[in-house]
């Protein structure tokens, strides 16, 4: 960073601290911090101008290693008008294995679930980000947990629909998101590129598997957006205490 850091850098290496480069000069501190909050809780954060490149660089100190690991998967994600680069601050700090499957915090979610949340929020992610998330989840056998999240999500939407009759509204919102962010075009591009990705070549039969998984991630993103819309409608439909 161009000036002395305000964050007190720990003396010992930690896998929870990442450095984010190539941030657009137009991006605010809130914009960048909100982006990384999808990964998990942040202990400390700092954004400074990088005099050498004319862009900005950030230090993001997460509370837990899984959050930092998710952040490093997001290199080339688009924030405003710039593709960012995310790296561990300490090169010798290696995150310890998989997430805690008994922990229901944001950090413990499968990477593909978090990626789906990014897509649902309208962020643009490069195709290989999805592939890396899938690779990580496969490595640590988190695919079953992904299916569990999706099943729970579907059940929640179903219950809200039965109670508040929001099918038409939710469907319209999902279609709006699909049109606005060109989800189907992204899926087609993702399928074409991921099938030739090194991940597909390293894992036997991954091309066909990745095809269905990438589609599932995008569909999950649409369902998350639909769930949020349904929850919002449900909340607005609940009588206030003063009205009772």
Protein backbone atom coordinates (compact mmCIF):
# COMPACT_ATOMS: atom_id res chain seq x y z
CA UNK A 1 0.00 0.00 0.00
CA UNK A 2 1.22 3.47 -0.76
CA UNK A 3 1.09 4.82 2.79
CA UNK A 4 1.55 3.26 6.17
CA UNK A 5 -1.27 0.89 7.00
CA UNK A 6 -3.74 1.87 9.70
CA UNK A 7 -4.41 -1.79 10.38
CA UNK A 8 -2.07 -3.24 12.96
CA UNK A 9 -0.53 -6.05 10.95
CA UNK A 10 -0.05 -9.14 13.15
CA UNK A 11 3.53 -10.20 13.82
CA UNK A 12 2.78 -13.84 13.10
CA UNK A 13 1.41 -15.07 9.78
CA UNK A 14 -2.35 -15.51 9.64
CA UNK A 15 -4.55 -16.93 6.90
CA UNK A 16 -7.37 -14.52 7.80
CA UNK A 17 -5.76 -11.42 6.25
CA UNK A 18 -6.06 -10.77 2.49
CA UNK A 19 -4.94 -7.95 0.22
CA UNK A 20 -7.20 -6.77 -2.60
CA UNK A 21 -5.61 -4.98 -5.55
CA UNK A 22 -6.82 -3.30 -8.76
CA UNK A 23 -9.85 -1.70 -7.09
CA UNK A 24 -11.44 1.07 -9.13
CA UNK A 25 -10.68 4.63 -7.95
CA UNK A 26 -14.44 5.20 -8.09
CA UNK A 27 -15.23 2.44 -5.56
CA UNK A 28 -16.14 3.64 -2.08
CA UNK A 29 -15.05 1.98 1.15
CA UNK A 30 -18.64 0.87 1.77
CA UNK A 31 -18.91 -0.71 -1.69
CA UNK A 32 -15.76 -2.78 -1.27
CA UNK A 33 -16.47 -3.76 2.32
CA UNK A 34 -20.05 -4.77 1.52
CA UNK A 35 -18.73 -6.97 -1.30
CA UNK A 36 -16.47 -8.94 1.05
CA UNK A 37 -19.06 -9.22 3.80
CA UNK A 38 -20.63 -11.97 1.69
CA UNK A 39 -17.54 -14.04 2.57
CA UNK A 40 -17.99 -13.64 6.32
CA UNK A 41 -17.45 -11.33 9.28
CA UNK A 42 -14.69 -8.74 8.94
CA UNK A 43 -12.45 -7.93 11.89
CA UNK A 44 -10.75 -4.91 10.32
CA UNK A 45 -10.77 -3.18 6.95
CA UNK A 46 -8.75 -0.50 5.19
CA UNK A 47 -8.90 1.05 1.72
CA UNK A 48 -6.10 3.22 0.32
CA UNK A 49 -5.03 4.65 -3.01
CA UNK A 50 -2.17 2.85 -4.75
CA UNK A 51 -0.01 5.67 -6.14
CA UNK A 52 1.88 3.35 -8.50
CA UNK A 53 -1.20 2.09 -10.35
CA UNK A 54 -3.69 4.90 -9.81
CA UNK A 55 -6.18 2.38 -8.46
CA UNK A 56 -7.00 1.39 -4.88
CA UNK A 57 -5.85 -1.45 -2.65
CA UNK A 58 -7.56 -2.85 0.43
CA UNK A 59 -6.61 -4.94 3.42
CA UNK A 60 -9.44 -7.17 4.61
CA UNK A 61 -8.92 -8.93 7.93
CA UNK A 62 -11.58 -11.58 8.44
CA UNK A 63 -12.51 -13.16 11.74
CA UNK A 64 -12.22 -16.69 10.36
CA UNK A 65 -10.10 -18.55 7.83
CA UNK A 66 -12.99 -19.92 5.69
CA UNK A 67 -14.07 -16.34 4.93
CA UNK A 68 -10.56 -15.45 3.77
CA UNK A 69 -10.43 -18.61 1.66
CA UNK A 70 -13.67 -17.65 -0.06
CA UNK A 71 -12.29 -14.15 -0.71
CA UNK A 72 -9.22 -15.54 -2.49
CA UNK A 73 -11.51 -17.41 -4.91
CA UNK A 74 -12.93 -14.09 -6.10
CA UNK A 75 -9.97 -12.84 -8.14
CA UNK A 76 -11.29 -11.20 -11.35
CA UNK A 77 -14.69 -10.50 -9.82
CA UNK A 78 -16.03 -7.16 -11.01
CA UNK A 79 -16.54 -4.30 -8.52
CA UNK A 80 -17.85 -1.21 -10.27
CA UNK A 81 -15.69 -0.98 -13.42
CA UNK A 82 -12.61 -2.94 -12.36
CA UNK A 83 -11.66 -6.61 -12.05
CA UNK A 84 -10.05 -7.12 -8.66
CA UNK A 85 -7.16 -9.35 -7.56
CA UNK A 86 -7.35 -11.06 -4.16
CA UNK A 87 -4.34 -12.68 -2.48
CA UNK A 88 -3.35 -13.81 1.03
CA UNK A 89 -1.39 -11.07 2.78
CA UNK A 90 1.00 -13.66 4.20
CA UNK A 91 2.13 -15.93 1.38
CA UNK A 92 3.20 -18.65 3.83
CA UNK A 93 -0.16 -18.74 5.60
CA UNK A 94 -2.21 -21.70 4.38
CA UNK A 95 -5.89 -21.98 5.40
CA UNK A 96 -6.62 -25.11 7.37
CA UNK A 97 -8.83 -27.54 5.45
CA UNK A 98 -12.59 -27.46 5.03
CA UNK A 99 -15.32 -25.48 6.72
CA UNK A 100 -16.90 -26.65 9.96
CA UNK A 101 -19.94 -28.58 8.78
CA UNK A 102 -21.67 -28.03 12.12
CA UNK A 103 -21.33 -24.26 11.89
CA UNK A 104 -24.25 -22.43 10.28
CA UNK A 105 -22.45 -19.09 9.94
CA UNK A 106 -21.85 -17.37 6.60
CA UNK A 107 -18.22 -18.54 6.61
CA UNK A 108 -19.25 -22.19 6.88
CA UNK A 109 -21.51 -22.19 3.84
CA UNK A 110 -20.33 -24.04 0.73
CA UNK A 111 -18.42 -21.76 -1.63
CA UNK A 112 -20.97 -22.32 -4.40
CA UNK A 113 -23.75 -21.15 -2.09
CA UNK A 114 -21.88 -17.89 -1.40
CA UNK A 115 -21.16 -17.48 -5.12
CA UNK A 116 -24.89 -17.91 -5.79
CA UNK A 117 -25.59 -15.16 -3.25
CA UNK A 118 -23.19 -12.86 -5.11
CA UNK A 119 -24.99 -13.56 -8.38
CA UNK A 120 -28.38 -13.04 -6.76
CA UNK A 121 -27.18 -9.65 -5.51
CA UNK A 122 -26.27 -8.67 -9.08
CA UNK A 123 -22.48 -8.92 -8.90
CA UNK A 124 -20.63 -10.03 -12.02
CA UNK A 125 -18.31 -13.00 -11.47
CA UNK A 126 -15.96 -14.50 -14.04
CA UNK A 127 -16.76 -18.03 -15.16
CA UNK A 128 -13.69 -19.52 -13.50
CA UNK A 129 -14.82 -18.21 -10.10
CA UNK A 130 -17.76 -20.62 -10.24
CA UNK A 131 -15.43 -23.42 -11.35
CA UNK A 132 -13.06 -22.74 -8.45
CA UNK A 133 -15.94 -22.75 -6.00
CA UNK A 134 -17.16 -26.07 -7.37
CA UNK A 135 -13.65 -27.50 -7.20
CA UNK A 136 -13.28 -26.46 -3.56
CA UNK A 137 -16.63 -27.93 -2.55
CA UNK A 138 -15.85 -31.17 -4.35
CA UNK A 139 -12.44 -31.38 -2.68
CA UNK A 140 -13.97 -31.15 0.79
CA UNK A 141 -17.10 -33.17 -0.02
CA UNK A 142 -19.50 -30.29 0.51
CA UNK A 143 -21.80 -31.15 -2.41
CA UNK A 144 -24.35 -32.77 -0.09
CA UNK A 145 -24.46 -29.61 1.98
CA UNK A 146 -25.08 -27.58 -1.18
CA UNK A 147 -28.06 -29.80 -1.94
CA UNK A 148 -29.34 -29.39 1.63
CA UNK A 149 -29.22 -25.59 1.35
CA UNK A 150 -31.04 -25.71 -1.96
CA UNK A 151 -33.71 -28.06 -0.60
CA UNK A 152 -34.25 -25.80 2.43
CA UNK A 153 -34.46 -22.77 0.17
CA UNK A 154 -37.07 -24.42 -2.03
CA UNK A 155 -39.15 -25.45 0.98
CA UNK A 156 -39.04 -21.92 2.42
CA UNK A 157 -40.22 -20.40 -0.85
CA UNK A 158 -42.97 -23.03 -1.10
CA UNK A 159 -44.24 -22.27 2.41
CA UNK A 160 -44.22 -18.52 1.81
CA UNK A 161 -46.01 -19.03 -1.48
CA UNK A 162 -48.73 -21.13 0.15
CA UNK A 163 -49.22 -18.55 2.87
CA UNK A 164 -48.98 -15.29 0.89
CA UNK A 165 -49.68 -16.40 -2.72
CA UNK A 166 -46.58 -14.76 -4.17
CA UNK A 167 -45.84 -17.13 -7.07
CA UNK A 168 -46.59 -14.60 -9.79
CA UNK A 169 -44.61 -11.83 -8.10
CA UNK A 170 -41.62 -14.06 -7.42
CA UNK A 171 -41.63 -15.45 -10.95
CA UNK A 172 -41.73 -11.94 -12.39
CA UNK A 173 -38.82 -10.89 -10.18
CA UNK A 174 -36.76 -13.92 -11.20
CA UNK A 175 -37.45 -13.11 -14.85
CA UNK A 176 -36.42 -9.50 -14.25
CA UNK A 177 -33.13 -10.62 -12.71
CA UNK A 178 -32.53 -13.04 -15.57
CA UNK A 179 -33.09 -10.25 -18.09
CA UNK A 180 -31.12 -7.59 -16.21
CA UNK A 181 -28.04 -9.66 -15.55
CA UNK A 182 -28.35 -11.95 -18.60
CA UNK A 183 -28.13 -15.07 -16.47
CA UNK A 184 -28.92 -17.44 -19.32
CA UNK A 185 -26.23 -15.90 -21.53
CA UNK A 186 -23.75 -16.21 -18.68
CA UNK A 187 -24.70 -19.85 -18.16
CA UNK A 188 -24.13 -20.61 -21.85
CA UNK A 189 -20.76 -18.86 -21.79
CA UNK A 190 -19.83 -20.58 -18.53
CA UNK A 191 -20.64 -24.02 -19.90
CA UNK A 192 -18.57 -23.48 -23.03
CA UNK A 193 -15.54 -22.21 -21.13
CA UNK A 194 -15.68 -24.46 -18.08
CA UNK A 195 -15.74 -27.56 -20.28
CA UNK A 196 -12.25 -26.56 -21.46
CA UNK A 197 -11.09 -25.31 -18.06
CA UNK A 198 -8.10 -27.07 -16.38
CA UNK A 199 -10.51 -28.18 -13.66
CA UNK A 200 -12.47 -30.14 -16.25
CA UNK A 201 -9.29 -31.82 -17.48
CA UNK A 202 -8.05 -32.75 -14.01
CA UNK A 203 -11.22 -34.41 -12.78
CA UNK A 204 -12.61 -37.39 -14.70
CA UNK A 205 -15.99 -36.65 -16.24
CA UNK A 206 -16.06 -33.12 -14.79
CA UNK A 207 -17.29 -31.53 -18.04
CA UNK A 208 -20.76 -33.06 -17.85
CA UNK A 209 -20.89 -32.69 -14.08
CA UNK A 210 -19.79 -29.06 -14.21
CA UNK A 211 -22.48 -28.32 -16.81
CA UNK A 212 -25.26 -29.32 -14.44
CA UNK A 213 -23.57 -27.77 -11.41
CA UNK A 214 -23.05 -24.38 -13.04
CA UNK A 215 -26.69 -24.37 -14.10
CA UNK A 216 -27.61 -25.25 -10.51
CA UNK A 217 -25.55 -22.35 -9.13
CA UNK A 218 -27.29 -19.86 -11.42
CA UNK A 219 -30.70 -21.33 -10.65
CA UNK A 220 -29.85 -21.16 -6.96
CA UNK A 221 -28.99 -17.48 -7.39
CA UNK A 222 -32.42 -16.85 -8.91
CA UNK A 223 -34.10 -18.76 -6.08
CA UNK A 224 -32.21 -16.72 -3.46
CA UNK A 225 -33.39 -13.51 -5.11
CA UNK A 226 -36.92 -14.92 -5.24
CA UNK A 227 -36.77 -15.89 -1.56
CA UNK A 228 -35.70 -12.38 -0.61
CA UNK A 229 -38.59 -10.95 -2.59
CA UNK A 230 -41.02 -13.38 -1.00
CA UNK A 231 -39.73 -12.57 2.48
CA UNK A 232 -40.12 -8.86 1.77
CA UNK A 233 -43.70 -9.36 0.64
CA UNK A 234 -44.41 -11.51 3.70
CA UNK A 235 -43.00 -8.86 6.02
CA UNK A 236 -45.07 -6.10 4.43
CA UNK A 237 -48.19 -8.28 4.65
CA UNK A 238 -47.80 -8.91 8.40
CA UNK A 239 -50.15 -6.66 10.43
CA UNK A 240 -48.34 -4.16 12.63
CA UNK A 241 -48.91 -4.08 16.36
CA UNK A 242 -50.72 -0.76 16.10
CA UNK A 243 -53.15 -2.21 13.58
CA UNK A 244 -54.15 -5.07 15.86
